[in-house]
Amino acid sequence: MKRISLLFVCIGNICRSPLAEGIFDHVVGEAGLGDALRIDSAGLGGWHQGGLPDPRSIATASAHGIDITGQRARQILPEDFDDFDLILAMDRSNVVELRRHSPHADNIRLFGDFALGTGEDIPDPYYGGPEDFELVYARLLAGCNTLVERLGAISGSWSGKTSSVR
């Protein structure tokens, strides 16, 4: 069985996408699907390359029993568009930028569409306070739980990139 690969993307890979990666990894582990999935995150820019997630993201995750201190920021690479089955962007501007980088990629989705079904953007909490990070955590957790349900339902028959995941 081929592992399903997901990449969470935001602007700098220090706030939203590392939280999404950590939350999803945690939820996947609780669901017993860890061997079926490959999870990563990246940023559109390389400003924070190699750095830890934002301290407020680390604190928010930690308050919910999730450790994201092992993650390091990285910039999305051209090969990511081929290497990942699903690329989930945190907001519409991220989707636009991803499609600019890879116009023919058919694996780019808005997290709020694919995981939440609401079409909402996950707001960037960078200029906000702890309550903004907590709001982002709650939205990401809801979406990650839905993702695990969707992916768990198809993981037994997964054989590669299919429209059922996208």
C-alpha atoms as a PDB file:
ATOM      1  CA  MET A   1       0.000   0.000   0.000  1.00  0.00           C
ATOM      2  CA  LYS A   2       1.379   3.431  -0.982  1.00  0.00           C
ATOM      3  CA  ARG A   3       1.494   6.000   1.783  1.00  0.00           C
ATOM      4  CA  ILE A   4      -0.650   9.095   1.297  1.00  0.00           C
ATOM      5  CA  SER A   5       1.449  12.259   1.506  1.00  0.00           C
ATOM      6  CA  LEU A   6       0.146  15.643   2.693  1.00  0.00           C
ATOM      7  CA  LEU A   7       1.911  18.993   2.755  1.00  0.00           C
ATOM      8  CA  PHE A   8       0.505  21.924   4.730  1.00  0.00           C
ATOM      9  CA  VAL A   9       1.563  25.352   3.406  1.00  0.00           C
ATOM     10  CA  CYS A  10       1.424  28.905   4.741  1.00  0.00           C
ATOM     11  CA  ILE A  11       3.526  32.011   4.169  1.00  0.00           C
ATOM     12  CA  GLY A  12       6.638  31.372   6.271  1.00  0.00           C
ATOM     13  CA  ASN A  13       6.126  27.907   7.788  1.00  0.00           C
ATOM     14  CA  ILE A  14       6.277  29.163  11.362  1.00  0.00           C
ATOM     15  CA  CYS A  15       2.649  29.664  12.485  1.00  0.00           C
ATOM     16  CA  ARG A  16      -0.218  27.901  10.712  1.00  0.00           C
ATOM     17  CA  SER A  17       1.413  25.123   8.706  1.00  0.00           C
ATOM     18  CA  PRO A  18       3.583  23.796  11.568  1.00  0.00           C
ATOM     19  CA  LEU A  19       0.499  23.783  13.790  1.00  0.00           C
ATOM     20  CA  ALA A  20      -1.423  21.912  11.096  1.00  0.00           C
ATOM     21  CA  GLU A  21       1.408  19.401  10.686  1.00  0.00           C
ATOM     22  CA  GLY A  22       1.645  18.832  14.443  1.00  0.00           C
ATOM     23  CA  ILE A  23      -2.097  18.557  14.968  1.00  0.00           C
ATOM     24  CA  PHE A  24      -2.558  16.239  12.005  1.00  0.00           C
ATOM     25  CA  ASP A  25       0.359  14.044  13.078  1.00  0.00           C
ATOM     26  CA  HIS A  26      -1.180  13.803  16.551  1.00  0.00           C
ATOM     27  CA  VAL A  27      -4.680  12.991  15.274  1.00  0.00           C
ATOM     28  CA  VAL A  28      -3.276  10.469  12.776  1.00  0.00           C
ATOM     29  CA  GLY A  29      -1.336   8.771  15.564  1.00  0.00           C
ATOM     30  CA  GLU A  30      -4.444   8.513  17.728  1.00  0.00           C
ATOM     31  CA  ALA A  31      -6.328   6.993  14.768  1.00  0.00           C
ATOM     32  CA  GLY A  32      -3.589   4.403  14.192  1.00  0.00           C
ATOM     33  CA  LEU A  33      -2.919   5.629  10.644  1.00  0.00           C
ATOM     34  CA  GLY A  34       0.669   6.780  11.157  1.00  0.00           C
ATOM     35  CA  ASP A  35       2.135   4.188   8.793  1.00  0.00           C
ATOM     36  CA  ALA A  36      -0.315   5.112   6.033  1.00  0.00           C
ATOM     37  CA  LEU A  37       0.529   8.819   5.888  1.00  0.00           C
ATOM     38  CA  ARG A  38       3.498  11.079   5.243  1.00  0.00           C
ATOM     39  CA  ILE A  39       3.024  14.552   6.743  1.00  0.00           C
ATOM     40  CA  ASP A  40       5.089  17.701   6.266  1.00  0.00           C
ATOM     41  CA  SER A  41       4.761  21.469   6.106  1.00  0.00           C
ATOM     42  CA  ALA A  42       6.423  24.264   4.162  1.00  0.00           C
ATOM     43  CA  GLY A  43       6.301  27.985   3.582  1.00  0.00           C
ATOM     44  CA  LEU A  44       6.045  30.013   0.423  1.00  0.00           C
ATOM     45  CA  GLY A  45       9.095  32.018   1.465  1.00  0.00           C
ATOM     46  CA  GLY A  46      12.400  30.959   2.938  1.00  0.00           C
ATOM     47  CA  TRP A  47      12.755  33.777   5.480  1.00  0.00           C
ATOM     48  CA  HIS A  48      12.677  31.395   8.449  1.00  0.00           C
ATOM     49  CA  GLN A  49      14.487  28.465   6.786  1.00  0.00           C
ATOM     50  CA  GLY A  50      15.782  26.054   9.438  1.00  0.00           C
ATOM     51  CA  GLY A  51      14.168  27.912  12.329  1.00  0.00           C
ATOM     52  CA  LEU A  52      11.718  26.675  14.909  1.00  0.00           C
ATOM     53  CA  PRO A  53       8.005  27.386  14.656  1.00  0.00           C
ATOM     54  CA  ASP A  54       6.876  30.681  16.180  1.00  0.00           C
ATOM     55  CA  PRO A  55       7.051  30.470  20.008  1.00  0.00           C
ATOM     56  CA  ARG A  56       3.321  31.175  20.177  1.00  0.00           C
ATOM     57  CA  SER A  57       2.585  28.219  17.889  1.00  0.00           C
ATOM     58  CA  ILE A  58       4.820  26.049  20.053  1.00  0.00           C
ATOM     59  CA  ALA A  59       3.022  27.248  23.216  1.00  0.00           C
ATOM     60  CA  THR A  60      -0.431  26.724  21.717  1.00  0.00           C
ATOM     61  CA  ALA A  61       0.409  23.212  20.544  1.00  0.00           C
ATOM     62  CA  SER A  62       2.032  22.393  23.885  1.00  0.00           C
ATOM     63  CA  ALA A  63      -1.061  23.557  25.773  1.00  0.00           C
ATOM     64  CA  HIS A  64      -2.939  20.831  23.881  1.00  0.00           C
ATOM     65  CA  GLY A  65      -0.334  18.110  24.453  1.00  0.00           C
ATOM     66  CA  ILE A  66       1.373  18.416  21.051  1.00  0.00           C
ATOM     67  CA  ASP A  67       5.110  18.971  20.661  1.00  0.00           C
ATOM     68  CA  ILE A  68       6.138  20.767  17.455  1.00  0.00           C
ATOM     69  CA  THR A  69       9.651  21.705  18.589  1.00  0.00           C
ATOM     70  CA  GLY A  70      11.161  19.047  16.333  1.00  0.00           C
ATOM     71  CA  GLN A  71       9.939  20.871  13.223  1.00  0.00           C
ATOM     72  CA  ARG A  72      12.091  23.268  11.238  1.00  0.00           C
ATOM     73  CA  ALA A  73      10.814  25.828   8.748  1.00  0.00           C
ATOM     74  CA  ARG A  74      11.449  25.150   5.095  1.00  0.00           C
ATOM     75  CA  GLN A  75      10.467  26.708   1.818  1.00  0.00           C
ATOM     76  CA  ILE A  76       8.350  24.773  -0.640  1.00  0.00           C
ATOM     77  CA  LEU A  77      10.424  23.125  -3.357  1.00  0.00           C
ATOM     78  CA  PRO A  78       9.525  22.507  -7.022  1.00  0.00           C
ATOM     79  CA  GLU A  79       9.589  18.745  -6.436  1.00  0.00           C
ATOM     80  CA  ASP A  80       6.994  19.043  -3.645  1.00  0.00           C
ATOM     81  CA  PHE A  81       4.296  19.490  -6.293  1.00  0.00           C
ATOM     82  CA  ASP A  82       5.081  15.985  -7.585  1.00  0.00           C
ATOM     83  CA  ASP A  83       6.114  14.363  -4.304  1.00  0.00           C
ATOM     84  CA  PHE A  84       2.941  15.135  -2.329  1.00  0.00           C
ATOM     85  CA  ASP A  85      -0.490  13.733  -3.091  1.00  0.00           C
ATOM     86  CA  LEU A  86      -2.229  16.672  -1.448  1.00  0.00           C
ATOM     87  CA  ILE A  87      -0.994  20.206  -0.766  1.00  0.00           C
ATOM     88  CA  LEU A  88      -3.254  22.098   1.625  1.00  0.00           C
ATOM     89  CA  ALA A  89      -2.858  25.876   1.638  1.00  0.00           C
ATOM     90  CA  MET A  90      -3.962  27.854   4.661  1.00  0.00           C
ATOM     91  CA  ASP A  91      -5.557  30.732   2.728  1.00  0.00           C
ATOM     92  CA  ARG A  92      -6.553  31.800  -0.759  1.00  0.00           C
ATOM     93  CA  SER A  93      -3.456  33.926  -1.298  1.00  0.00           C
ATOM     94  CA  ASN A  94      -1.358  30.832  -0.559  1.00  0.00           C
ATOM     95  CA  VAL A  95      -3.362  28.884  -3.168  1.00  0.00           C
ATOM     96  CA  VAL A  96      -2.776  31.620  -5.759  1.00  0.00           C
ATOM     97  CA  GLU A  97       0.954  31.674  -5.047  1.00  0.00           C
ATOM     98  CA  LEU A  98       1.229  27.866  -5.153  1.00  0.00           C
ATOM     99  CA  ARG A  99      -0.565  27.778  -8.503  1.00  0.00           C
ATOM    100  CA  ARG A 100       1.772  30.494  -9.777  1.00  0.00           C
ATOM    101  CA  HIS A 101       4.708  28.240  -8.893  1.00  0.00           C
ATOM    102  CA  SER A 102       3.118  25.169 -10.460  1.00  0.00           C
ATOM    103  CA  PRO A 103       0.230  26.102 -12.773  1.00  0.00           C
ATOM    104  CA  HIS A 104      -0.556  22.515 -13.785  1.00  0.00           C
ATOM    105  CA  ALA A 105      -0.504  20.960 -10.310  1.00  0.00           C
ATOM    106  CA  ASP A 106      -3.854  19.366  -9.574  1.00  0.00           C
ATOM    107  CA  ASN A 107      -3.085  18.539  -5.931  1.00  0.00           C
ATOM    108  CA  ILE A 108      -3.377  22.069  -4.452  1.00  0.00           C
ATOM    109  CA  ARG A 109      -6.405  22.689  -2.251  1.00  0.00           C
ATOM    110  CA  LEU A 110      -7.553  25.278   0.245  1.00  0.00           C
ATOM    111  CA  PHE A 111      -7.590  23.742   3.732  1.00  0.00           C
ATOM    112  CA  GLY A 112     -10.915  25.437   4.465  1.00  0.00           C
ATOM    113  CA  ASP A 113     -12.505  23.796   1.425  1.00  0.00           C
ATOM    114  CA  PHE A 114     -10.971  20.357   1.590  1.00  0.00           C
ATOM    115  CA  ALA A 115     -10.777  19.786   5.338  1.00  0.00           C
ATOM    116  CA  LEU A 116     -13.499  22.023   6.747  1.00  0.00           C
ATOM    117  CA  GLY A 117     -15.956  22.215   3.862  1.00  0.00           C
ATOM    118  CA  THR A 118     -16.541  25.879   4.656  1.00  0.00           C
ATOM    119  CA  GLY A 119     -14.277  27.583   2.124  1.00  0.00           C
ATOM    120  CA  GLU A 120     -12.825  29.729   4.882  1.00  0.00           C
ATOM    121  CA  ASP A 121      -9.260  30.952   5.097  1.00  0.00           C
ATOM    122  CA  ILE A 122      -7.273  29.973   8.160  1.00  0.00           C
ATOM    123  CA  PRO A 123      -6.286  33.440   9.411  1.00  0.00           C
ATOM    124  CA  ASP A 124      -2.624  34.247   9.904  1.00  0.00           C
ATOM    125  CA  PRO A 125      -2.159  34.785  13.667  1.00  0.00           C
ATOM    126  CA  TYR A 126       1.370  36.227  13.334  1.00  0.00           C
ATOM    127  CA  TYR A 127       0.396  39.797  14.246  1.00  0.00           C
ATOM    128  CA  GLY A 128      -2.161  38.703  16.833  1.00  0.00           C
ATOM    129  CA  GLY A 129      -2.130  37.431  20.367  1.00  0.00           C
ATOM    130  CA  PRO A 130      -2.598  34.074  22.088  1.00  0.00           C
ATOM    131  CA  GLU A 131      -6.331  34.097  21.366  1.00  0.00           C
ATOM    132  CA  ASP A 132      -5.601  34.275  17.622  1.00  0.00           C
ATOM    133  CA  PHE A 133      -3.312  31.242  17.831  1.00  0.00           C
ATOM    134  CA  GLU A 134      -5.974  29.434  19.844  1.00  0.00           C
ATOM    135  CA  LEU A 135      -8.597  30.207  17.170  1.00  0.00           C
ATOM    136  CA  VAL A 136      -6.260  28.868  14.473  1.00  0.00           C
ATOM    137  CA  TYR A 137      -5.637  25.761  16.572  1.00  0.00           C
ATOM    138  CA  ALA A 138      -9.382  25.112  16.915  1.00  0.00           C
ATOM    139  CA  ARG A 139     -10.037  25.474  13.170  1.00  0.00           C
ATOM    140  CA  LEU A 140      -7.050  23.296  12.280  1.00  0.00           C
ATOM    141  CA  LEU A 141      -8.079  20.626  14.791  1.00  0.00           C
ATOM    142  CA  ALA A 142     -11.589  20.476  13.350  1.00  0.00           C
ATOM    143  CA  GLY A 143     -10.218  20.161   9.827  1.00  0.00           C
ATOM    144  CA  CYS A 144      -7.570  17.623  10.778  1.00  0.00           C
ATOM    145  CA  ASN A 145     -10.181  15.414  12.432  1.00  0.00           C
ATOM    146  CA  THR A 146     -12.245  15.515   9.230  1.00  0.00           C
ATOM    147  CA  LEU A 147      -9.151  14.776   7.138  1.00  0.00           C
ATOM    148  CA  VAL A 148      -8.353  11.696   9.204  1.00  0.00           C
ATOM    149  CA  GLU A 149     -11.917  10.447   8.783  1.00  0.00           C
ATOM    150  CA  ARG A 150     -11.772  10.984   4.999  1.00  0.00           C
ATOM    151  CA  LEU A 151      -8.324   9.492   4.564  1.00  0.00           C
ATOM    152  CA  GLY A 152      -8.955   6.632   6.958  1.00  0.00           C
ATOM    153  CA  ALA A 153     -11.989   5.619   4.944  1.00  0.00           C
ATOM    154  CA  ILE A 154      -9.902   5.237   1.794  1.00  0.00           C
ATOM    155  CA  SER A 155      -6.509   4.185   3.187  1.00  0.00           C
ATOM    156  CA  GLY A 156      -7.291   0.511   2.797  1.00  0.00           C
ATOM    157  CA  SER A 157      -7.688   0.856  -0.941  1.00  0.00           C
ATOM    158  CA  TRP A 158      -5.090   3.571  -1.514  1.00  0.00           C
ATOM    159  CA  SER A 159      -2.841   2.828  -4.481  1.00  0.00           C
ATOM    160  CA  GLY A 160      -1.606   6.249  -5.500  1.00  0.00           C
ATOM    161  CA  LYS A 161      -2.829   9.664  -6.501  1.00  0.00           C
ATOM    162  CA  THR A 162      -6.567   9.544  -7.038  1.00  0.00           C
ATOM    163  CA  SER A 163      -9.339  12.075  -7.232  1.00  0.00           C
ATOM    164  CA  SER A 164     -10.914  10.621  -4.070  1.00  0.00           C
ATOM    165  CA  VAL A 165      -8.153  12.238  -2.007  1.00  0.00           C
ATOM    166  CA  ARG A 166      -8.161  15.490  -3.886  1.00  0.00           C
END
